[in-house]
Amino acid sequence: MIALIPALLLAGAAQAAAAEPVVVYTAKAGDNLYTLGARYFDRMSDVATVQRLNRIANPYRIPVGTRIRIPHAVLRQSAVPAKVAAFSGPVSIGAPGKLAPAVLGMTVNEADRIETGERGHATLRLADGSLVSIPSQSAVQIARMRQTALIGSVDRLFTLSGGGLRARVTPMTNGESRFRVSTPTAVAAVRGTMFATSYDPATQATLTGVTEGKVELTDAASHRMLALPTGFGAHAGDEAPHPLLAAPELVDGGRIQNQPRLAFAVKPEAGANGYALSIARDAGFIDVLDEARSATPEASFDSLPTGTYFVRAAVIDASGIEGMASTYGFQRRLNSLSASVEGSGKGRRREYLFRWTGLGDGAHQYRFQLSTHADGSQPMIDRIGLTGDRLIVTDLPVGDYYWRVMSVQFADGQANGAWAATETLHIEARD
């Protein structure tokens, strides 16, 4: 009876191995179980498991063409690091408890944590070209990012403990590969798609919206899986997905942004619970610079250097999910003015000093207009091509006047003009 125990244990191990997923390898010249183990197995002791499973008498001698079943569980898994493709603002990356400021191009490994502060953004580029973007005030950990030897499958799991994550996943041709994002209340699994997931620790709500491809959203409590096709979103635990709101239209979205603060307006949409806008250096929104959420269809951003940028806008629905997005390119050319007027003198002989200060790169010329009409029509003075920052006007009769200054900016072979706000001058009778 005692002598039978090892045989029973071996038989049980072989049966358990047979129930696991396997890959079939066809032996080539020079192959034996030990050379295969050195190339593909996690441990050399797994040679015995494969030998028993395939009933191979001599592990050193395997006929060419022999089909060998190898359990996935014994295959070696290697870490596949990611790289920081872009970041802005406060971003920290590293092993838990050992976070350090992000550096462009730095390696990000399995088990590393990524935290973004206020107005911080980071984008990771994975080995297959997939992109994972992490917006401000978010916390993400890479729970798994490994490739399995022999079969070449890649398993990636990102855990989102707060904030958001947006992914553009390269389509997977290997049926064993996986890409998942988990929160405490749900798991989103994809095979090649563009989607965004957010998690609010206060409400424990997981929201997912799909802008391309398909996502399988599994609720952690009920284990119910919900398929989200392109243009749909859901909360974890919803009975069915709902359509995302359509991409909005910006009001004059491509205009030159020449004021100190960048300002955008979205055409109001029915069913909107808010609006989400973000700015990036590239049309793919890899290098995100800033973002804003607003209850109204207007949003403004801090100043940016001269250059070409992109703005993306989406409507937030009643459930809090961002809808389909529209993207506009725009030029940033600061060309702004501040103006003032001072009066001096007595009686009819009075001087009025109009002054202005121009902001922005490049050479500037100015145009000055003074009118008695509030709309600036029929100007009594219209001076073009001024190079200075002031103009003196004398002997203006009693009355109300309206004046404004245009700054014409010459940069990169282009001329761009921008009027300052119209100012009012009231002159009363004096001795």
Protein backbone atom coordinates (compact mmCIF):
# COMPACT_ATOMS: atom_id res chain seq x y z
CA MET A 1 0.00 0.00 0.00
CA ILE A 2 2.82 2.38 0.88
CA ALA A 3 4.56 1.64 -2.40
CA LEU A 4 1.46 2.80 -4.29
CA ILE A 5 1.44 6.31 -2.76
CA PRO A 6 4.18 7.81 -4.99
CA ALA A 7 2.52 6.36 -8.07
CA LEU A 8 -0.84 7.83 -7.04
CA LEU A 9 0.74 11.22 -6.36
CA LEU A 10 2.45 11.18 -9.77
CA ALA A 11 -0.79 10.21 -11.47
CA GLY A 12 -2.65 13.00 -9.66
CA ALA A 13 -0.03 15.54 -10.66
CA ALA A 14 -0.23 14.41 -14.28
CA GLN A 15 -4.04 14.67 -14.23
CA ALA A 16 -3.88 18.17 -12.72
CA ALA A 17 -1.35 19.25 -15.34
CA ALA A 18 -3.53 17.81 -18.09
CA ALA A 19 -6.44 20.01 -16.93
CA GLU A 20 -4.39 23.21 -17.27
CA PRO A 21 -4.06 25.20 -20.52
CA VAL A 22 -1.23 23.83 -22.61
CA VAL A 23 0.78 24.81 -25.67
CA VAL A 24 1.83 22.09 -28.11
CA TYR A 25 5.47 22.27 -29.13
CA THR A 26 6.86 20.21 -32.03
CA ALA A 27 10.33 18.87 -31.28
CA LYS A 28 13.16 19.91 -33.59
CA ALA A 29 16.61 18.47 -34.13
CA GLY A 30 18.71 18.88 -31.00
CA ASP A 31 15.72 19.35 -28.66
CA ASN A 32 15.34 17.51 -25.40
CA LEU A 33 13.35 18.34 -22.27
CA TYR A 34 16.34 19.94 -20.58
CA THR A 35 17.16 22.26 -23.48
CA LEU A 36 13.46 23.20 -23.66
CA GLY A 37 13.48 23.78 -19.91
CA ALA A 38 16.47 26.09 -20.14
CA ARG A 39 14.81 28.12 -22.90
CA TYR A 40 11.21 28.25 -21.76
CA PHE A 41 10.50 26.85 -18.29
CA ASP A 42 10.28 28.83 -15.09
CA ARG A 43 12.22 26.16 -13.16
CA MET A 44 14.27 23.19 -14.31
CA SER A 45 12.24 21.02 -11.93
CA ASP A 46 9.30 21.57 -14.30
CA VAL A 47 11.02 19.18 -16.71
CA ALA A 48 9.63 16.31 -14.61
CA THR A 49 6.08 17.69 -14.89
CA VAL A 50 6.30 17.89 -18.68
CA GLN A 51 7.90 14.44 -18.86
CA ARG A 52 5.06 12.86 -16.88
CA LEU A 53 2.36 14.73 -18.79
CA ASN A 54 3.69 13.49 -22.13
CA ARG A 55 4.85 10.04 -20.88
CA ILE A 56 8.33 10.61 -22.25
CA ALA A 57 10.62 7.73 -21.25
CA ASN A 58 13.95 9.47 -21.81
CA PRO A 59 14.02 13.26 -21.33
CA TYR A 60 17.37 13.43 -23.19
CA ARG A 61 16.13 11.78 -26.35
CA ILE A 62 13.02 13.04 -28.15
CA PRO A 63 12.32 12.10 -31.77
CA VAL A 64 12.08 15.03 -34.18
CA GLY A 65 8.42 15.88 -34.82
CA THR A 66 7.20 14.73 -31.41
CA ARG A 67 4.30 16.89 -30.22
CA ILE A 68 4.96 17.94 -26.63
CA ARG A 69 2.21 19.40 -24.47
CA ILE A 70 3.62 22.09 -22.16
CA PRO A 71 1.35 23.63 -19.47
CA HIS A 72 1.22 27.42 -19.49
CA ALA A 73 1.86 27.35 -15.75
CA VAL A 74 5.44 26.10 -16.19
CA LEU A 75 6.46 28.67 -18.82
CA ARG A 76 8.82 31.44 -17.78
CA GLN A 77 7.39 34.93 -17.47
CA SER A 78 9.56 37.99 -17.98
CA ALA A 79 8.85 41.57 -17.02
CA VAL A 80 8.13 43.89 -19.94
CA PRO A 81 8.81 47.48 -18.85
CA ALA A 82 7.09 50.62 -20.08
CA LYS A 83 8.57 54.06 -20.74
CA VAL A 84 7.44 57.55 -19.81
CA ALA A 85 6.43 58.98 -23.18
CA ALA A 86 5.40 62.38 -21.81
CA PHE A 87 4.53 64.12 -18.59
CA SER A 88 3.78 67.57 -17.23
CA GLY A 89 3.28 69.00 -13.76
CA PRO A 90 3.79 67.01 -10.57
CA VAL A 91 4.19 63.30 -11.38
CA SER A 92 5.85 60.70 -9.14
CA ILE A 93 6.79 57.16 -10.18
CA GLY A 94 8.46 54.26 -8.44
CA ALA A 95 8.06 51.34 -6.09
CA PRO A 96 5.50 51.93 -3.32
CA GLY A 97 7.12 54.05 -0.64
CA LYS A 98 9.99 54.99 -2.96
CA LEU A 99 8.35 57.36 -5.40
CA ALA A 100 10.54 59.87 -7.22
CA PRO A 101 9.81 62.70 -9.68
CA ALA A 102 9.12 61.48 -13.22
CA VAL A 103 11.80 61.80 -15.89
CA LEU A 104 11.06 61.72 -19.61
CA GLY A 105 11.99 58.31 -21.03
CA MET A 106 12.41 56.66 -17.64
CA THR A 107 11.63 52.95 -17.30
CA VAL A 108 8.45 51.98 -15.45
CA ASN A 109 8.33 48.42 -14.15
CA GLU A 110 5.80 45.94 -12.84
CA ALA A 111 4.76 46.86 -9.27
CA ASP A 112 5.63 50.53 -9.81
CA ARG A 113 3.12 53.17 -8.78
CA ILE A 114 2.29 56.35 -10.69
CA GLU A 115 0.80 59.33 -8.84
CA THR A 116 -0.17 62.64 -10.41
CA GLY A 117 -0.74 65.81 -8.45
CA GLU A 118 -2.87 68.82 -9.27
CA ARG A 119 -2.38 69.64 -12.97
CA GLY A 120 -0.06 66.66 -13.32
CA HIS A 121 -0.35 64.30 -16.30
CA ALA A 122 1.65 61.30 -17.49
CA THR A 123 1.57 58.99 -20.51
CA LEU A 124 3.27 55.60 -20.57
CA ARG A 125 4.23 53.84 -23.80
CA LEU A 126 4.13 50.05 -23.50
CA ALA A 127 6.35 47.64 -25.42
CA ASP A 128 3.68 46.99 -28.09
CA GLY A 129 3.00 50.70 -28.61
CA SER A 130 -0.09 50.85 -26.40
CA LEU A 131 -0.49 54.14 -24.54
CA VAL A 132 -1.73 54.61 -20.99
CA SER A 133 -2.50 58.21 -19.99
CA ILE A 134 -3.01 59.17 -16.37
CA PRO A 135 -4.72 62.51 -15.68
CA SER A 136 -4.25 64.80 -12.71
CA GLN A 137 -4.87 63.68 -9.15
CA SER A 138 -4.80 59.97 -9.98
CA ALA A 139 -3.08 56.93 -8.49
CA VAL A 140 -2.27 53.86 -10.60
CA GLN A 141 -0.14 50.79 -9.90
CA ILE A 142 1.14 48.32 -12.48
CA ALA A 143 0.08 45.06 -10.90
CA ARG A 144 1.21 42.91 -13.81
CA MET A 145 3.19 43.52 -16.99
CA ARG A 146 4.75 40.24 -18.15
CA GLN A 147 5.41 38.25 -21.30
CA THR A 148 5.21 34.46 -21.32
CA ALA A 149 8.02 32.53 -23.00
CA LEU A 150 7.28 30.31 -26.02
CA ILE A 151 3.71 31.51 -26.56
CA GLY A 152 4.66 35.22 -26.48
CA SER A 153 1.48 36.37 -24.74
CA VAL A 154 1.59 39.59 -22.70
CA ASP A 155 -0.47 40.08 -19.56
CA ARG A 156 -1.00 43.65 -18.31
CA LEU A 157 -3.01 44.69 -15.29
CA PHE A 158 -3.26 48.26 -14.01
CA THR A 159 -4.93 48.93 -10.68
CA LEU A 160 -6.65 52.29 -10.33
CA SER A 161 -7.18 53.37 -6.74
CA GLY A 162 -8.32 56.92 -7.47
CA GLY A 163 -8.75 59.35 -10.34
CA GLY A 164 -8.70 58.17 -13.94
CA LEU A 165 -6.90 56.26 -16.67
CA ARG A 166 -7.23 56.53 -20.43
CA ALA A 167 -5.83 53.78 -22.66
CA ARG A 168 -5.22 53.33 -26.36
CA VAL A 169 -4.51 49.60 -26.62
CA THR A 170 -2.78 48.16 -29.67
CA PRO A 171 -4.92 45.29 -31.06
CA MET A 172 -3.67 41.94 -29.73
CA THR A 173 -3.07 39.18 -32.25
CA ASN A 174 -2.10 36.67 -29.57
CA GLY A 175 -5.25 35.12 -28.13
CA GLU A 176 -3.58 34.61 -24.75
CA SER A 177 -2.67 38.28 -24.27
CA ARG A 178 -4.68 40.44 -21.87
CA PHE A 179 -5.03 44.10 -20.97
CA ARG A 180 -7.05 44.92 -17.87
CA VAL A 181 -7.75 47.87 -15.61
CA SER A 182 -9.06 47.06 -12.15
CA THR A 183 -10.59 49.21 -9.43
CA PRO A 184 -11.89 48.08 -6.06
CA THR A 185 -15.33 47.63 -7.63
CA ALA A 186 -14.73 46.45 -11.22
CA VAL A 187 -12.38 45.12 -13.88
CA ALA A 188 -12.30 46.42 -17.46
CA ALA A 189 -10.77 44.00 -19.98
CA VAL A 190 -9.95 44.82 -23.61
CA ARG A 191 -8.20 43.34 -26.63
CA GLY A 192 -7.56 46.53 -28.61
CA THR A 193 -9.49 49.71 -28.07
CA MET A 194 -9.64 53.28 -26.80
CA PHE A 195 -11.40 53.76 -23.51
CA ALA A 196 -11.35 55.71 -20.25
CA THR A 197 -12.00 54.47 -16.72
CA SER A 198 -12.35 56.49 -13.55
CA TYR A 199 -12.79 55.54 -9.91
CA ASP A 200 -14.01 57.69 -7.03
CA PRO A 201 -12.95 56.26 -3.64
CA ALA A 202 -15.56 58.36 -1.85
CA THR A 203 -18.50 56.84 -3.74
CA GLN A 204 -16.72 53.64 -4.85
CA ALA A 205 -18.06 54.28 -8.34
CA THR A 206 -16.25 52.90 -11.39
CA LEU A 207 -17.18 54.56 -14.69
CA THR A 208 -16.05 53.41 -18.12
CA GLY A 209 -16.62 54.90 -21.56
CA VAL A 210 -15.51 53.35 -24.86
CA THR A 211 -14.66 55.55 -27.83
CA GLU A 212 -13.29 52.77 -30.06
CA GLY A 213 -13.41 48.98 -29.90
CA LYS A 214 -15.03 47.00 -27.09
CA VAL A 215 -14.57 46.66 -23.33
CA GLU A 216 -15.80 43.92 -21.01
CA LEU A 217 -16.69 45.53 -17.67
CA THR A 218 -17.06 43.06 -14.81
CA ASP A 219 -18.63 44.15 -11.54
CA ALA A 220 -16.58 42.93 -8.56
CA ALA A 221 -19.61 42.36 -6.31
CA SER A 222 -21.96 40.50 -8.67
CA HIS A 223 -19.31 39.20 -11.12
CA ARG A 224 -21.70 40.23 -13.89
CA MET A 225 -19.94 41.09 -17.14
CA LEU A 226 -21.25 43.89 -19.31
CA ALA A 227 -20.03 44.31 -22.91
CA LEU A 228 -19.48 47.95 -23.87
CA PRO A 229 -19.24 48.58 -27.63
CA THR A 230 -17.92 51.72 -29.30
CA GLY A 231 -19.81 54.82 -28.21
CA PHE A 232 -21.22 53.34 -24.98
CA GLY A 233 -20.45 53.61 -21.30
CA ALA A 234 -21.62 52.29 -17.95
CA HIS A 235 -21.17 52.24 -14.21
CA ALA A 236 -19.91 48.99 -12.75
CA GLY A 237 -23.05 47.07 -11.80
CA ASP A 238 -25.32 48.64 -14.43
CA GLU A 239 -27.80 46.33 -16.12
CA ALA A 240 -27.04 47.68 -19.57
CA PRO A 241 -24.69 50.20 -21.21
CA HIS A 242 -25.94 53.58 -22.35
CA PRO A 243 -24.88 55.69 -25.36
CA LEU A 244 -22.19 58.29 -24.84
CA LEU A 245 -23.09 61.87 -25.64
CA ALA A 246 -22.00 63.03 -29.08
CA ALA A 247 -18.79 64.97 -29.65
CA PRO A 248 -19.45 68.69 -29.09
CA GLU A 249 -18.58 71.63 -31.29
CA LEU A 250 -16.34 74.43 -30.09
CA VAL A 251 -17.24 78.02 -30.82
CA ASP A 252 -14.50 79.24 -33.16
CA GLY A 253 -12.29 76.47 -31.79
CA GLY A 254 -9.41 77.01 -34.21
CA ARG A 255 -8.99 80.74 -33.59
CA ILE A 256 -5.66 82.20 -32.51
CA GLN A 257 -5.42 82.35 -28.73
CA ASN A 258 -3.81 85.75 -28.12
CA GLN A 259 -4.96 86.74 -24.63
CA PRO A 260 -2.98 86.07 -21.42
CA ARG A 261 -5.36 83.23 -20.51
CA LEU A 262 -6.58 80.71 -23.07
CA ALA A 263 -10.36 80.60 -23.32
CA PHE A 264 -12.68 78.13 -25.06
CA ALA A 265 -16.42 77.87 -25.38
CA VAL A 266 -18.43 74.75 -26.22
CA LYS A 267 -21.78 74.94 -27.94
CA PRO A 268 -24.23 73.83 -25.20
CA GLU A 269 -25.49 70.27 -25.54
CA ALA A 270 -28.78 68.82 -24.34
CA GLY A 271 -28.30 66.37 -21.48
CA ALA A 272 -24.96 67.84 -20.47
CA ASN A 273 -24.02 67.64 -16.81
CA GLY A 274 -20.69 69.33 -17.48
CA TYR A 275 -17.90 69.70 -19.97
CA ALA A 276 -14.35 68.30 -20.04
CA LEU A 277 -11.58 70.04 -21.96
CA SER A 278 -7.88 69.28 -22.20
CA ILE A 279 -4.90 70.79 -24.03
CA ALA A 280 -1.96 68.89 -25.50
CA ARG A 281 1.07 69.46 -27.66
CA ASP A 282 0.02 66.68 -30.06
CA ALA A 283 -3.22 65.65 -31.75
CA GLY A 284 -3.02 62.19 -30.15
CA PHE A 285 -3.00 63.74 -26.67
CA ILE A 286 0.09 61.88 -25.56
CA ASP A 287 1.66 65.04 -24.15
CA VAL A 288 -1.23 66.54 -22.18
CA LEU A 289 -0.50 69.94 -20.64
CA ASP A 290 -3.67 70.87 -18.81
CA GLU A 291 -7.29 69.90 -18.36
CA ALA A 292 -10.43 71.38 -16.91
CA ARG A 293 -13.92 70.26 -15.98
CA SER A 294 -16.67 72.85 -15.91
CA ALA A 295 -20.36 72.89 -15.12
CA THR A 296 -20.75 75.56 -17.81
CA PRO A 297 -19.72 75.34 -21.48
CA GLU A 298 -16.74 77.66 -20.94
CA ALA A 299 -13.24 76.87 -19.70
CA SER A 300 -10.01 78.83 -19.41
CA PHE A 301 -6.38 77.80 -18.99
CA ASP A 302 -3.15 79.42 -17.88
CA SER A 303 -0.83 80.97 -20.43
CA LEU A 304 1.28 78.83 -22.78
CA PRO A 305 4.33 79.72 -24.89
CA THR A 306 3.88 80.58 -28.55
CA GLY A 307 3.24 77.49 -30.64
CA THR A 308 0.73 75.03 -32.08
CA TYR A 309 -1.49 73.12 -29.65
CA PHE A 310 -4.61 70.98 -29.61
CA VAL A 311 -7.75 71.18 -27.52
CA ARG A 312 -10.08 68.23 -26.93
CA ALA A 313 -13.64 68.67 -25.68
CA ALA A 314 -16.22 66.17 -24.46
CA VAL A 315 -19.61 66.43 -22.78
CA ILE A 316 -20.14 64.80 -19.38
CA ASP A 317 -23.50 63.06 -19.02
CA ALA A 318 -25.73 62.76 -15.96
CA SER A 319 -23.91 59.62 -14.83
CA GLY A 320 -20.54 61.40 -14.87
CA ILE A 321 -19.13 59.64 -17.97
CA GLU A 322 -17.34 61.67 -20.64
CA GLY A 323 -18.80 61.33 -24.11
CA MET A 324 -17.20 61.22 -27.54
CA ALA A 325 -14.55 63.89 -28.02
CA SER A 326 -13.83 66.49 -30.68
CA THR A 327 -10.31 67.81 -31.28
CA TYR A 328 -9.23 71.19 -32.67
CA GLY A 329 -5.80 72.54 -33.50
CA PHE A 330 -5.04 76.15 -32.59
CA GLN A 331 -2.22 78.66 -32.59
CA ARG A 332 -1.04 80.28 -29.39
CA ARG A 333 0.35 83.78 -30.02
CA LEU A 334 0.19 86.09 -27.06
CA ASN A 335 -0.75 89.51 -28.44
CA SER A 336 -2.50 91.45 -25.74
CA LEU A 337 -2.69 95.08 -24.65
CA SER A 338 -3.28 97.06 -21.49
CA ALA A 339 -4.20 100.70 -21.97
CA SER A 340 -4.71 103.90 -19.98
CA VAL A 341 -5.30 107.62 -20.53
CA GLU A 342 -4.21 110.68 -18.52
CA GLY A 343 -5.31 114.29 -18.91
CA SER A 344 -3.30 117.45 -18.10
CA GLY A 345 -3.54 121.17 -18.65
CA LYS A 346 -6.27 123.77 -18.12
CA GLY A 347 -9.14 125.30 -20.03
CA ARG A 348 -9.36 124.56 -23.70
CA ARG A 349 -5.67 123.68 -23.88
CA ARG A 350 -5.67 120.21 -22.45
CA GLU A 351 -3.55 117.24 -23.43
CA TYR A 352 -4.66 113.64 -23.22
CA LEU A 353 -1.94 111.01 -23.08
CA PHE A 354 -3.11 107.62 -24.34
CA ARG A 355 -0.72 104.80 -23.41
CA TRP A 356 -0.63 101.08 -23.97
CA THR A 357 1.59 98.10 -23.25
CA GLY A 358 1.82 95.20 -25.67
CA LEU A 359 2.46 91.58 -24.67
CA GLY A 360 3.79 88.80 -26.87
CA ASP A 361 6.78 87.80 -28.98
CA GLY A 362 7.95 89.43 -32.20
CA ALA A 363 7.83 93.00 -33.49
CA HIS A 364 4.70 95.08 -32.91
CA GLN A 365 2.96 97.97 -34.59
CA TYR A 366 -0.16 99.64 -33.26
CA ARG A 367 -3.30 101.24 -34.57
CA PHE A 368 -5.13 103.88 -32.52
CA GLN A 369 -8.78 104.86 -33.00
CA LEU A 370 -10.82 107.52 -31.21
CA SER A 371 -14.54 107.93 -31.87
CA THR A 372 -17.62 109.56 -30.44
CA HIS A 373 -19.60 106.42 -31.20
CA ALA A 374 -19.69 103.52 -28.73
CA ASP A 375 -19.33 100.98 -31.55
CA GLY A 376 -16.13 102.69 -32.75
CA SER A 377 -17.61 103.68 -36.10
CA GLN A 378 -16.59 106.86 -37.92
CA PRO A 379 -13.41 107.41 -35.91
CA MET A 380 -12.30 111.01 -35.65
CA ILE A 381 -8.71 109.77 -35.24
CA ASP A 382 -7.38 106.61 -36.91
CA ARG A 383 -3.61 106.30 -36.73
CA ILE A 384 -2.03 103.23 -38.37
CA GLY A 385 1.54 101.94 -38.15
CA LEU A 386 2.46 103.39 -34.76
CA THR A 387 5.67 101.93 -33.33
CA GLY A 388 5.59 103.63 -29.94
CA ASP A 389 3.48 102.93 -26.90
CA ARG A 390 1.72 106.30 -26.55
CA LEU A 391 -0.11 109.07 -28.39
CA ILE A 392 -0.98 112.61 -27.26
CA VAL A 393 -4.27 114.20 -28.38
CA THR A 394 -5.03 117.86 -27.58
CA ASP A 395 -8.04 120.14 -27.36
CA LEU A 396 -10.82 117.58 -27.28
CA PRO A 397 -14.24 119.18 -26.80
CA VAL A 398 -16.50 118.28 -23.86
CA GLY A 399 -18.21 114.94 -24.41
CA ASP A 400 -17.88 111.17 -24.34
CA TYR A 401 -15.23 109.39 -26.38
CA TYR A 402 -14.50 105.77 -27.14
CA TRP A 403 -10.99 104.62 -27.97
CA ARG A 404 -9.17 101.41 -28.66
CA VAL A 405 -5.78 100.12 -29.76
CA MET A 406 -4.90 97.24 -32.05
CA SER A 407 -1.63 95.38 -31.67
CA VAL A 408 -0.28 93.99 -34.95
CA GLN A 409 2.27 91.27 -34.22
CA PHE A 410 4.87 90.19 -36.79
CA ALA A 411 6.28 86.71 -36.12
CA ASP A 412 7.25 83.69 -38.22
CA GLY A 413 6.44 85.53 -41.42
CA GLN A 414 2.89 86.28 -40.32
CA ALA A 415 1.04 89.37 -39.13
CA ASN A 416 -1.67 88.92 -36.51
CA GLY A 417 -3.82 91.74 -35.26
CA ALA A 418 -5.81 91.92 -32.02
CA TRP A 419 -7.90 94.80 -30.67
CA ALA A 420 -7.81 95.67 -27.00
CA ALA A 421 -11.13 96.26 -25.26
CA THR A 422 -12.73 99.59 -26.06
CA GLU A 423 -12.10 102.21 -23.37
CA THR A 424 -14.25 105.24 -22.47
CA LEU A 425 -13.07 108.83 -21.93
CA HIS A 426 -15.49 111.39 -20.43
CA ILE A 427 -14.52 115.08 -20.68
CA GLU A 428 -16.34 117.68 -18.58
CA ALA A 429 -16.29 121.46 -18.87
CA ARG A 430 -13.49 123.03 -16.75
CA ASP A 431 -12.01 126.45 -16.18
